[in-house]
């Protein structure tokens, strides 16, 4: 999880109580942790809405790459799983 943060974003990773945080591009902060039981990835982000479009595009690409690497699922597969988990 932490190694992929470094690889995908090249940002300094801060850790506090099992939560890992970075700031990069259009992300003022991204916080990653594992949910109860350690099987669910919990991601909380705060966006920088004043970031230029090219920074937003780069950040989004890195974010999607990160999620695919740590979950092993594509964006389409993650959406399908999220819908199933919420009963949609």
PDB file of N, CA and C in Angstrom:
ATOM      1  N   UNK A   1       0.832  -1.194   0.000  1.00  0.00           N
ATOM      2  CA  UNK A   1       0.000   0.000   0.000  1.00  0.00           C
ATOM      3  C   UNK A   1       0.875   1.255   0.000  1.00  0.00           C
ATOM      4  N   UNK A   2       1.848   1.327   0.904  1.00  0.00           N
ATOM      5  CA  UNK A   2       2.717   2.499   1.004  1.00  0.00           C
ATOM      6  C   UNK A   2       3.682   2.562  -0.172  1.00  0.00           C
ATOM      7  N   UNK A   3       4.238   1.403  -0.554  1.00  0.00           N
ATOM      8  CA  UNK A   3       5.161   1.377  -1.687  1.00  0.00           C
ATOM      9  C   UNK A   3       4.484   1.879  -2.956  1.00  0.00           C
ATOM     10  N   UNK A   4       3.232   1.475  -3.162  1.00  0.00           N
ATOM     11  CA  UNK A   4       2.501   1.921  -4.348  1.00  0.00           C
ATOM     12  C   UNK A   4       2.226   3.419  -4.301  1.00  0.00           C
ATOM     13  N   UNK A   5       1.984   3.963  -3.108  1.00  0.00           N
ATOM     14  CA  UNK A   5       1.810   5.423  -2.992  1.00  0.00           C
ATOM     15  C   UNK A   5       3.062   6.136  -3.482  1.00  0.00           C
ATOM     16  N   UNK A   6       4.210   5.650  -3.032  1.00  0.00           N
ATOM     17  CA  UNK A   6       5.481   6.260  -3.437  1.00  0.00           C
ATOM     18  C   UNK A   6       5.708   6.116  -4.933  1.00  0.00           C
ATOM     19  N   UNK A   7       5.419   4.907  -5.464  1.00  0.00           N
ATOM     20  CA  UNK A   7       5.626   4.660  -6.889  1.00  0.00           C
ATOM     21  C   UNK A   7       4.697   5.486  -7.767  1.00  0.00           C
ATOM     22  N   UNK A   8       3.433   5.548  -7.407  1.00  0.00           N
ATOM     23  CA  UNK A   8       2.438   6.219  -8.252  1.00  0.00           C
ATOM     24  C   UNK A   8       2.496   7.739  -8.147  1.00  0.00           C
ATOM     25  N   UNK A   9       2.795   8.247  -6.962  1.00  0.00           N
ATOM     26  CA  UNK A   9       2.747   9.691  -6.756  1.00  0.00           C
ATOM     27  C   UNK A   9       4.115  10.332  -6.561  1.00  0.00           C
ATOM     28  N   UNK A  10       5.108   9.561  -6.125  1.00  0.00           N
ATOM     29  CA  UNK A  10       6.431  10.131  -5.871  1.00  0.00           C
ATOM     30  C   UNK A  10       6.401  11.171  -4.768  1.00  0.00           C
ATOM     31  N   UNK A  11       5.462  11.028  -3.859  1.00  0.00           N
ATOM     32  CA  UNK A  11       5.290  12.008  -2.779  1.00  0.00           C
ATOM     33  C   UNK A  11       5.723  11.408  -1.451  1.00  0.00           C
ATOM     34  N   UNK A  12       6.040  12.271  -0.518  1.00  0.00           N
ATOM     35  CA  UNK A  12       6.376  11.836   0.829  1.00  0.00           C
ATOM     36  C   UNK A  12       5.126  11.278   1.501  1.00  0.00           C
ATOM     37  N   UNK A  13       5.261  10.100   2.075  1.00  0.00           N
ATOM     38  CA  UNK A  13       4.138   9.457   2.756  1.00  0.00           C
ATOM     39  C   UNK A  13       4.287   9.676   4.252  1.00  0.00           C
ATOM     40  N   UNK A  14       3.237  10.232   4.852  1.00  0.00           N
ATOM     41  CA  UNK A  14       3.219  10.430   6.303  1.00  0.00           C
ATOM     42  C   UNK A  14       2.325   9.356   6.909  1.00  0.00           C
ATOM     43  N   UNK A  15       2.687   8.880   8.095  1.00  0.00           N
ATOM     44  CA  UNK A  15       1.907   7.832   8.750  1.00  0.00           C
ATOM     45  C   UNK A  15       1.523   8.266  10.151  1.00  0.00           C
ATOM     46  N   UNK A  16       0.275   7.981  10.516  1.00  0.00           N
ATOM     47  CA  UNK A  16      -0.194   8.254  11.868  1.00  0.00           C
ATOM     48  C   UNK A  16      -1.286   7.247  12.197  1.00  0.00           C
ATOM     49  N   UNK A  17      -1.035   6.443  13.204  1.00  0.00           N
ATOM     50  CA  UNK A  17      -2.026   5.474  13.698  1.00  0.00           C
ATOM     51  C   UNK A  17      -2.587   4.566  12.606  1.00  0.00           C
ATOM     52  N   UNK A  18      -1.725   4.092  11.703  1.00  0.00           N
ATOM     53  CA  UNK A  18      -2.170   3.190  10.645  1.00  0.00           C
ATOM     54  C   UNK A  18      -2.834   3.864   9.469  1.00  0.00           C
ATOM     55  N   UNK A  19      -2.817   5.182   9.452  1.00  0.00           N
ATOM     56  CA  UNK A  19      -3.349   5.960   8.328  1.00  0.00           C
ATOM     57  C   UNK A  19      -2.157   6.567   7.596  1.00  0.00           C
ATOM     58  N   UNK A  20      -2.182   6.492   6.259  1.00  0.00           N
ATOM     59  CA  UNK A  20      -1.089   6.999   5.437  1.00  0.00           C
ATOM     60  C   UNK A  20      -1.612   8.177   4.629  1.00  0.00           C
ATOM     61  N   UNK A  21      -0.866   9.267   4.641  1.00  0.00           N
ATOM     62  CA  UNK A  21      -1.314  10.493   3.999  1.00  0.00           C
ATOM     63  C   UNK A  21      -0.265  11.040   3.035  1.00  0.00           C
ATOM     64  N   UNK A  22      -0.750  11.581   1.929  1.00  0.00           N
ATOM     65  CA  UNK A  22       0.112  12.289   0.984  1.00  0.00           C
ATOM     66  C   UNK A  22      -0.610  13.545   0.521  1.00  0.00           C
ATOM     67  N   UNK A  23       0.168  14.453  -0.039  1.00  0.00           N
ATOM     68  CA  UNK A  23      -0.355  15.605  -0.776  1.00  0.00           C
ATOM     69  C   UNK A  23       0.334  15.554  -2.131  1.00  0.00           C
ATOM     70  N   UNK A  24      -0.448  15.714  -3.197  1.00  0.00           N
ATOM     71  CA  UNK A  24       0.138  15.666  -4.534  1.00  0.00           C
ATOM     72  C   UNK A  24      -0.805  16.352  -5.521  1.00  0.00           C
ATOM     73  N   UNK A  25      -0.256  17.188  -6.377  1.00  0.00           N
ATOM     74  CA  UNK A  25      -1.015  17.788  -7.466  1.00  0.00           C
ATOM     75  C   UNK A  25      -2.329  18.397  -7.028  1.00  0.00           C
ATOM     76  N   UNK A  26      -3.425  17.846  -7.553  1.00  0.00           N
ATOM     77  CA  UNK A  26      -4.763  18.358  -7.255  1.00  0.00           C
ATOM     78  C   UNK A  26      -5.343  17.766  -5.972  1.00  0.00           C
ATOM     79  N   UNK A  27      -4.527  17.020  -5.228  1.00  0.00           N
ATOM     80  CA  UNK A  27      -4.969  16.474  -3.945  1.00  0.00           C
ATOM     81  C   UNK A  27      -4.315  17.267  -2.818  1.00  0.00           C
ATOM     82  N   UNK A  28      -5.122  18.059  -2.121  1.00  0.00           N
ATOM     83  CA  UNK A  28      -4.579  18.728  -0.940  1.00  0.00           C
ATOM     84  C   UNK A  28      -4.118  17.670   0.044  1.00  0.00           C
ATOM     85  N   UNK A  29      -4.942  16.621   0.181  1.00  0.00           N
ATOM     86  CA  UNK A  29      -4.575  15.495   1.034  1.00  0.00           C
ATOM     87  C   UNK A  29      -5.327  14.255   0.593  1.00  0.00           C
ATOM     88  N   UNK A  30      -4.631  13.139   0.643  1.00  0.00           N
ATOM     89  CA  UNK A  30      -5.255  11.839   0.442  1.00  0.00           C
ATOM     90  C   UNK A  30      -4.842  10.985   1.631  1.00  0.00           C
ATOM     91  N   UNK A  31      -5.831  10.376   2.277  1.00  0.00           N
ATOM     92  CA  UNK A  31      -5.581   9.533   3.438  1.00  0.00           C
ATOM     93  C   UNK A  31      -6.056   8.115   3.125  1.00  0.00           C
ATOM     94  N   UNK A  32      -5.170   7.151   3.359  1.00  0.00           N
ATOM     95  CA  UNK A  32      -5.444   5.755   3.062  1.00  0.00           C
ATOM     96  C   UNK A  32      -5.342   4.956   4.354  1.00  0.00           C
ATOM     97  N   UNK A  33      -6.282   4.051   4.552  1.00  0.00           N
ATOM     98  CA  UNK A  33      -6.210   3.131   5.689  1.00  0.00           C
ATOM     99  C   UNK A  33      -6.956   1.862   5.313  1.00  0.00           C
ATOM    100  N   UNK A  34      -6.839   0.860   6.162  1.00  0.00           N
ATOM    101  CA  UNK A  34      -7.590  -0.364   5.959  1.00  0.00           C
ATOM    102  C   UNK A  34      -8.807  -0.355   6.867  1.00  0.00           C
ATOM    103  N   UNK A  35      -9.930  -0.811   6.338  1.00  0.00           N
ATOM    104  CA  UNK A  35     -11.154  -0.858   7.117  1.00  0.00           C
ATOM    105  C   UNK A  35     -11.137  -2.007   8.104  1.00  0.00           C
ATOM    106  N   UNK A  36     -12.208  -2.181   8.839  1.00  0.00           N
ATOM    107  CA  UNK A  36     -12.314  -3.267   9.813  1.00  0.00           C
ATOM    108  C   UNK A  36     -12.036  -4.624   9.163  1.00  0.00           C
ATOM    109  N   UNK A  37     -11.226  -5.423   9.801  1.00  0.00           N
ATOM    110  CA  UNK A  37     -10.877  -6.729   9.259  1.00  0.00           C
ATOM    111  C   UNK A  37      -9.724  -6.676   8.274  1.00  0.00           C
ATOM    112  N   UNK A  38      -9.312  -5.469   7.878  1.00  0.00           N
ATOM    113  CA  UNK A  38      -8.170  -5.309   6.984  1.00  0.00           C
ATOM    114  C   UNK A  38      -8.402  -5.717   5.551  1.00  0.00           C
ATOM    115  N   UNK A  39      -9.664  -5.900   5.140  1.00  0.00           N
ATOM    116  CA  UNK A  39      -9.941  -6.329   3.769  1.00  0.00           C
ATOM    117  C   UNK A  39     -10.440  -5.209   2.873  1.00  0.00           C
ATOM    118  N   UNK A  40     -10.782  -4.078   3.460  1.00  0.00           N
ATOM    119  CA  UNK A  40     -11.328  -2.955   2.698  1.00  0.00           C
ATOM    120  C   UNK A  40     -10.358  -1.784   2.732  1.00  0.00           C
ATOM    121  N   UNK A  41     -10.104  -1.214   1.567  1.00  0.00           N
ATOM    122  CA  UNK A  41      -9.263  -0.027   1.470  1.00  0.00           C
ATOM    123  C   UNK A  41     -10.155   1.193   1.649  1.00  0.00           C
ATOM    124  N   UNK A  42      -9.801   2.047   2.588  1.00  0.00           N
ATOM    125  CA  UNK A  42     -10.560   3.269   2.847  1.00  0.00           C
ATOM    126  C   UNK A  42      -9.721   4.443   2.352  1.00  0.00           C
ATOM    127  N   UNK A  43     -10.288   5.222   1.424  1.00  0.00           N
ATOM    128  CA  UNK A  43      -9.576   6.348   0.831  1.00  0.00           C
ATOM    129  C   UNK A  43     -10.399   7.604   1.048  1.00  0.00           C
ATOM    130  N   UNK A  44      -9.773   8.610   1.655  1.00  0.00           N
ATOM    131  CA  UNK A  44     -10.432   9.898   1.869  1.00  0.00           C
ATOM    132  C   UNK A  44      -9.585  10.955   1.180  1.00  0.00           C
ATOM    133  N   UNK A  45     -10.190  11.763   0.325  1.00  0.00           N
ATOM    134  CA  UNK A  45      -9.430  12.777  -0.404  1.00  0.00           C
ATOM    135  C   UNK A  45     -10.013  14.166  -0.178  1.00  0.00           C
ATOM    136  N   UNK A  46      -9.125  15.141  -0.265  1.00  0.00           N
ATOM    137  CA  UNK A  46      -9.516  16.549  -0.268  1.00  0.00           C
ATOM    138  C   UNK A  46      -8.865  17.167  -1.494  1.00  0.00           C
ATOM    139  N   UNK A  47      -9.679  17.679  -2.409  1.00  0.00           N
ATOM    140  CA  UNK A  47      -9.188  18.199  -3.683  1.00  0.00           C
ATOM    141  C   UNK A  47      -8.815  19.664  -3.606  1.00  0.00           C
ATOM    142  N   UNK A  48      -7.865  20.033  -4.460  1.00  0.00           N
ATOM    143  CA  UNK A  48      -7.499  21.432  -4.659  1.00  0.00           C
ATOM    144  C   UNK A  48      -8.232  21.885  -5.916  1.00  0.00           C
ATOM    145  N   UNK A  49      -9.366  22.541  -5.738  1.00  0.00           N
ATOM    146  CA  UNK A  49     -10.203  22.930  -6.876  1.00  0.00           C
ATOM    147  C   UNK A  49      -9.591  24.047  -7.718  1.00  0.00           C
ATOM    148  N   UNK A  50      -8.527  24.659  -7.225  1.00  0.00           N
ATOM    149  CA  UNK A  50      -7.880  25.726  -7.995  1.00  0.00           C
ATOM    150  C   UNK A  50      -6.740  25.195  -8.866  1.00  0.00           C
ATOM    151  N   UNK A  51      -6.500  23.891  -8.851  1.00  0.00           N
ATOM    152  CA  UNK A  51      -5.416  23.313  -9.648  1.00  0.00           C
ATOM    153  C   UNK A  51      -5.739  23.433 -11.137  1.00  0.00           C
ATOM    154  N   UNK A  52      -4.712  23.671 -11.964  1.00  0.00           N
ATOM    155  CA  UNK A  52      -4.925  23.743 -13.415  1.00  0.00           C
ATOM    156  C   UNK A  52      -5.355  22.383 -13.979  1.00  0.00           C
ATOM    157  N   UNK A  53      -6.033  22.410 -15.128  1.00  0.00           N
ATOM    158  CA  UNK A  53      -6.562  21.195 -15.741  1.00  0.00           C
ATOM    159  C   UNK A  53      -5.506  20.112 -15.929  1.00  0.00           C
ATOM    160  N   UNK A  54      -4.312  20.488 -16.406  1.00  0.00           N
ATOM    161  CA  UNK A  54      -3.278  19.472 -16.659  1.00  0.00           C
ATOM    162  C   UNK A  54      -2.827  18.797 -15.360  1.00  0.00           C
ATOM    163  N   UNK A  55      -2.843  19.526 -14.258  1.00  0.00           N
ATOM    164  CA  UNK A  55      -2.493  18.957 -12.954  1.00  0.00           C
ATOM    165  C   UNK A  55      -3.601  18.007 -12.495  1.00  0.00           C
ATOM    166  N   UNK A  56      -4.845  18.405 -12.713  1.00  0.00           N
ATOM    167  CA  UNK A  56      -5.985  17.556 -12.345  1.00  0.00           C
ATOM    168  C   UNK A  56      -5.950  16.251 -13.136  1.00  0.00           C
ATOM    169  N   UNK A  57      -5.698  16.330 -14.431  1.00  0.00           N
ATOM    170  CA  UNK A  57      -5.649  15.141 -15.285  1.00  0.00           C
ATOM    171  C   UNK A  57      -4.527  14.208 -14.838  1.00  0.00           C
ATOM    172  N   UNK A  58      -3.348  14.758 -14.570  1.00  0.00           N
ATOM    173  CA  UNK A  58      -2.217  13.949 -14.104  1.00  0.00           C
ATOM    174  C   UNK A  58      -2.541  13.290 -12.762  1.00  0.00           C
ATOM    175  N   UNK A  59      -3.102  14.049 -11.846  1.00  0.00           N
ATOM    176  CA  UNK A  59      -3.440  13.524 -10.522  1.00  0.00           C
ATOM    177  C   UNK A  59      -4.470  12.411 -10.631  1.00  0.00           C
ATOM    178  N   UNK A  60      -5.505  12.609 -11.434  1.00  0.00           N
ATOM    179  CA  UNK A  60      -6.540  11.586 -11.620  1.00  0.00           C
ATOM    180  C   UNK A  60      -5.964  10.301 -12.214  1.00  0.00           C
ATOM    181  N   UNK A  61      -5.065  10.440 -13.177  1.00  0.00           N
ATOM    182  CA  UNK A  61      -4.436   9.269 -13.796  1.00  0.00           C
ATOM    183  C   UNK A  61      -3.634   8.494 -12.751  1.00  0.00           C
ATOM    184  N   UNK A  62      -2.852   9.198 -11.959  1.00  0.00           N
ATOM    185  CA  UNK A  62      -2.056   8.541 -10.916  1.00  0.00           C
ATOM    186  C   UNK A  62      -2.956   7.890  -9.867  1.00  0.00           C
ATOM    187  N   UNK A  63      -4.046   8.564  -9.515  1.00  0.00           N
ATOM    188  CA  UNK A  63      -4.985   8.034  -8.531  1.00  0.00           C
ATOM    189  C   UNK A  63      -5.613   6.732  -9.023  1.00  0.00           C
ATOM    190  N   UNK A  64      -6.068   6.707 -10.266  1.00  0.00           N
ATOM    191  CA  UNK A  64      -6.665   5.494 -10.842  1.00  0.00           C
ATOM    192  C   UNK A  64      -5.640   4.362 -10.917  1.00  0.00           C
ATOM    193  N   UNK A  65      -4.404   4.696 -11.305  1.00  0.00           N
ATOM    194  CA  UNK A  65      -3.338   3.693 -11.358  1.00  0.00           C
ATOM    195  C   UNK A  65      -3.074   3.126  -9.969  1.00  0.00           C
ATOM    196  N   UNK A  66      -3.015   4.000  -8.973  1.00  0.00           N
ATOM    197  CA  UNK A  66      -2.794   3.563  -7.599  1.00  0.00           C
ATOM    198  C   UNK A  66      -3.892   2.593  -7.155  1.00  0.00           C
ATOM    199  N   UNK A  67      -5.148   2.971  -7.354  1.00  0.00           N
ATOM    200  CA  UNK A  67      -6.256   2.120  -6.933  1.00  0.00           C
ATOM    201  C   UNK A  67      -6.232   0.764  -7.634  1.00  0.00           C
ATOM    202  N   UNK A  68      -5.895   0.751  -8.909  1.00  0.00           N
ATOM    203  CA  UNK A  68      -5.838  -0.515  -9.630  1.00  0.00           C
ATOM    204  C   UNK A  68      -4.716  -1.396  -9.080  1.00  0.00           C
ATOM    205  N   UNK A  69      -3.580  -0.802  -8.770  1.00  0.00           N
ATOM    206  CA  UNK A  69      -2.460  -1.586  -8.235  1.00  0.00           C
ATOM    207  C   UNK A  69      -2.761  -2.173  -6.860  1.00  0.00           C
ATOM    208  N   UNK A  70      -3.352  -1.397  -5.983  1.00  0.00           N
ATOM    209  CA  UNK A  70      -3.561  -1.900  -4.615  1.00  0.00           C
ATOM    210  C   UNK A  70      -4.787  -2.798  -4.491  1.00  0.00           C
ATOM    211  N   UNK A  71      -5.780  -2.618  -5.361  1.00  0.00           N
ATOM    212  CA  UNK A  71      -6.969  -3.464  -5.272  1.00  0.00           C
ATOM    213  C   UNK A  71      -6.923  -4.635  -6.235  1.00  0.00           C
ATOM    214  N   UNK A  72      -6.190  -4.479  -7.335  1.00  0.00           N
ATOM    215  CA  UNK A  72      -6.165  -5.515  -8.363  1.00  0.00           C
ATOM    216  C   UNK A  72      -7.370  -5.460  -9.278  1.00  0.00           C
ATOM    217  N   UNK A  73      -8.189  -4.413  -9.135  1.00  0.00           N
ATOM    218  CA  UNK A  73      -9.399  -4.270  -9.944  1.00  0.00           C
ATOM    219  C   UNK A  73      -9.348  -2.994 -10.777  1.00  0.00           C
ATOM    220  N   UNK A  74      -9.891  -3.064 -11.996  1.00  0.00           N
ATOM    221  CA  UNK A  74      -9.994  -1.884 -12.854  1.00  0.00           C
ATOM    222  C   UNK A  74     -11.090  -0.970 -12.314  1.00  0.00           C
ATOM    223  N   UNK A  75     -11.178   0.222 -12.864  1.00  0.00           N
ATOM    224  CA  UNK A  75     -12.211   1.172 -12.444  1.00  0.00           C
ATOM    225  C   UNK A  75     -13.603   0.577 -12.647  1.00  0.00           C
ATOM    226  N   UNK A  76     -13.804  -0.105 -13.759  1.00  0.00           N
ATOM    227  CA  UNK A  76     -15.101  -0.722 -14.058  1.00  0.00           C
ATOM    228  C   UNK A  76     -15.431  -1.804 -13.026  1.00  0.00           C
ATOM    229  N   UNK A  77     -14.432  -2.617 -12.674  1.00  0.00           N
ATOM    230  CA  UNK A  77     -14.648  -3.674 -11.683  1.00  0.00           C
ATOM    231  C   UNK A  77     -14.911  -3.090 -10.299  1.00  0.00           C
ATOM    232  N   UNK A  78     -14.199  -2.015  -9.946  1.00  0.00           N
ATOM    233  CA  UNK A  78     -14.419  -1.373  -8.643  1.00  0.00           C
ATOM    234  C   UNK A  78     -15.818  -0.789  -8.556  1.00  0.00           C
ATOM    235  N   UNK A  79     -16.296  -0.185  -9.633  1.00  0.00           N
ATOM    236  CA  UNK A  79     -17.657   0.374  -9.661  1.00  0.00           C
ATOM    237  C   UNK A  79     -18.688  -0.735  -9.465  1.00  0.00           C
ATOM    238  N   UNK A  80     -18.487  -1.846 -10.152  1.00  0.00           N
ATOM    239  CA  UNK A  80     -19.413  -2.987 -10.040  1.00  0.00           C
ATOM    240  C   UNK A  80     -19.454  -3.491  -8.592  1.00  0.00           C
ATOM    241  N   UNK A  81     -18.290  -3.625  -7.959  1.00  0.00           N
ATOM    242  CA  UNK A  81     -18.219  -4.078  -6.575  1.00  0.00           C
ATOM    243  C   UNK A  81     -18.881  -3.065  -5.616  1.00  0.00           C
ATOM    244  N   UNK A  82     -18.663  -1.787  -5.876  1.00  0.00           N
ATOM    245  CA  UNK A  82     -19.255  -0.745  -5.014  1.00  0.00           C
ATOM    246  C   UNK A  82     -20.770  -0.772  -5.120  1.00  0.00           C
ATOM    247  N   UNK A  83     -21.283  -0.932  -6.321  1.00  0.00           N
ATOM    248  CA  UNK A  83     -22.737  -1.000  -6.503  1.00  0.00           C
ATOM    249  C   UNK A  83     -23.317  -2.214  -5.790  1.00  0.00           C
ATOM    250  N   UNK A  84     -22.615  -3.330  -5.894  1.00  0.00           N
ATOM    251  CA  UNK A  84     -23.073  -4.553  -5.237  1.00  0.00           C
ATOM    252  C   UNK A  84     -23.075  -4.377  -3.719  1.00  0.00           C
ATOM    253  N   UNK A  85     -22.046  -3.728  -3.201  1.00  0.00           N
ATOM    254  CA  UNK A  85     -21.939  -3.523  -1.736  1.00  0.00           C
ATOM    255  C   UNK A  85     -23.019  -2.596  -1.202  1.00  0.00           C
ATOM    256  N   UNK A  86     -23.473  -1.642  -2.040  1.00  0.00           N
ATOM    257  CA  UNK A  86     -24.505  -0.698  -1.591  1.00  0.00           C
ATOM    258  C   UNK A  86     -25.908  -1.135  -1.975  1.00  0.00           C
ATOM    259  N   UNK A  87     -26.009  -2.273  -2.668  1.00  0.00           N
ATOM    260  CA  UNK A  87     -27.331  -2.799  -3.018  1.00  0.00           C
ATOM    261  C   UNK A  87     -27.944  -2.178  -4.252  1.00  0.00           C
ATOM    262  N   UNK A  88     -27.157  -1.512  -5.046  1.00  0.00           N
ATOM    263  CA  UNK A  88     -27.707  -0.892  -6.277  1.00  0.00           C
ATOM    264  C   UNK A  88     -27.796  -1.901  -7.399  1.00  0.00           C
TER     265      UNK A  88
END
